[in-house]
Amino acid sequence: MRKALSLTLAGVLAGTGLLGAAATPAQADTVKPCVGVEGSTATPSVAPVLTLPAVLNADAPTRTTLSVTCHNPAAFTLTSGYLTVKRAPRDAAENVPATQLNFAPVTPTAITPTPNGTGSWTASVEVDIEPTGSKIRAGKAWHVSTSVTIPGIALGQRQSFQVGGATPLALPNSQTPTVTIAAGAHTSAAAELPSLSALGRPAEPVITPWGAGASLSYRWVDESGAELASGEHFTPSIEGQRFALELTGTWPDGTQTTVPSAFSTTSADPLAGRVRIDAIGDAFPYGDGLGYSIVRVSDGQSLAANEDAGKGAWYEVSATGAVTGYKAPLTPTSAYVAGPHLAPAEAQVGQRFVYIRNVASWNAPVASNVVTIVRAKAPGLANATGYTGAWTTTSSLATVRPGAKLTLGNPWPIGAPVSYSWLRDGKTIVSSGDPAKAAYTVTLADVGHTLQGATATTSTAFAGTEVKAKAFKVAPALMVAPKLTLNRSTAVVGQKLSVTASGGTRGATVKYQWYRNNKPIKGATGTSYTLVGADWGQRVGVETRSTLTGYTSASAAAYLGRDVGYGTIVKGKLAIKGKGKVGSKLTASRSGTSTPGLSVQYQWYRNGKMVWGAEKSTYKLSKADRGKRVTVVAALYKQGYKQTSLTAKTGRVL
């Protein structure tokens, strides 16, 4: 005699499962392994829990662990079982059938349950789940229930007890996928086209994953097999035209498979084939919320969900898919949010919601997808620096100098707690939740270092908690050179030039250099300079270079208004020493103050006529000089000075 006992995964999670018929007195005489309770006429439930792997293999068994909760410690042998899965639907209107995948113990030996501390016993066994093969297409799916077969002993006969599903989930088409069905090595799947496709709009095929390494080619054909287009996209242009998509997959090992889709018919209805839900997706706190817009059902009819906000509402969905606020048979009690707009709070991260278009007459196939409240991504800065004020583009950051005030922009949504930090070479120098600290004035200590601002939030509503603005290197402060003033605007050789510096950056070191025709004069590095002969006819001036740590260097210059003129020689005095007699020696002698470094050239004269060869400072009187007057002229020379001379005379030579 066989009896079937059923319990779904939903029932396991909810703690339910008193299912099946009562045992007969004859059956109670012998305790059935695992499920039997001695002396009881009731048949208790068995709770099988399968550790669901992340991926179910298509070409090979998937090994995992099965745990079974028993009501007695008697040893038993697990012979077989199956799990029920459903692939993720294309949209809320798609009715997805369940698929059973068989499993068997790796080692079919007797299992002895052990106490689990709750008054029952638990046994665990490794099982191999059969390859999915072509039973279910590759992609996301969820686990619906687990069933096991345990042979029992009653009246000398083997009995089979099946533990499986009888209580449906509240949202069979709207659960979050819990497992991935892997594609086989040479898995091929036909593209899915809607029965109707809109005229003039690209067709929207759904391509199920093929085996790894497959290279796909596309061929769009009409009913006669004639090619309409090649390539991934096709836009139907003839109303009433029927077309299909042939997919050809080629693998590296040379295997090639071609699979055609079902035909789709072109319709002038703009909603044709769009069994979709607009404005639906993941939602997150601090956002603009989630607005439910339009549901288009399979027959192309358009239903405006928010034309009457009083008809629709958001309901929370439990971990098992049950709609909180509904009771059987799908009667609404209380909505989480009335109307089409849901603005989730931070505390709702991880919760799931469903929008029911008409709470008075709801059925699962035309409900929206379940929406999971997820952590939002940290806001990005794109190409902007994240700073407000004068520095908003990447290029301008190259000129940020001490004294500049930068203000961090706040990229986080209004209401999110925010702190502000400033980092120098990656190390925090300022950190505060005070919005005033969003502003930072660059200092001399930042020069040559990398500066960066960052904002952070302590909110758990975001996947990332910190946003760093563009990092940049601080340029030196601008040096202000002093104003230079010369003591004269024109000058001649021999005069002294001096310069006065006023203003400029305080604390700067100022160095001087005098120039002659743009070439530095060696040794002329003071605040004054005396013009020399080499300066005559040249442009002379002084330049300064100011330096200070943390600043750029700066130069200033001051030059004479015209080229240096000739200097005036200070001559002194000239006299002739010696006796005025024939045979005596006369000497030309200079005295008094005169320009140093002069060159002197002498010339002696007799009664005003030049004596040839008499060009020294001395002259010996000869007979030719008797009775004559002797004169000497000293010509004075120096580079850069105007030439001049001195003259001295004697009386008549005796």
Foldseek 3Di string as FASTA:
>chain_A
DEWEFADKPVCVVVVHGQDTDWADPQQLVDAWPFQGDHPDRGTGAKDKDWPDDQEAAQPFWDKTKIKIKGQDQDKFWWAKKWWKKWAADPWLQDDTDIFIWIKGFPDGDIWGFDDDPPNITMTMTMIITGRCHVRDFWFFMATIGMWTWIWTAGPNDTYTYIYHDDDGFQFPNFADTRHTYAAHQAAADAWEFAQEDEAQDKTDTDHTDGHPQWDKWKFKAFPVRDTDDTDDIDHHHDAQTKIKIWIWIAHPVGDIDIDIYHIHGYHNQNQARDQHWPQDEAAFALDPFTFGAWGQHSVSDIDGLQPPQQFKAKFWADNRRHTPQADPPQAGHDGPGGGGTGHDHLVQQQIKMWMASGSHDGDRSRTGHIYGHHAAADDADPQFQQWDDPHTGPVVLQAAAAQDKTAGHDPGRPPFQKKKFKDWQRHTPDIGSPNVVSIDGHHLVQAQIKMWMKMFTPRPSHPDTMYIGDIGRHHFAEWFFWAKDWPAQAAAAFAKIFIDTDDIDPPWDKWKFKDWQNHTDPPPTDRMDGHHLVQAQTKIWMKIWIDDRRYDIDMDIDIHPGGHAADEKAQAAWEWDWALEQFIKIFIDGDDDIDPPKDKWKWKAWQNHTDPPPTDRMDHHHPVQAQIKMKMKIWIDGRRHDIDIYMYIDHRRD
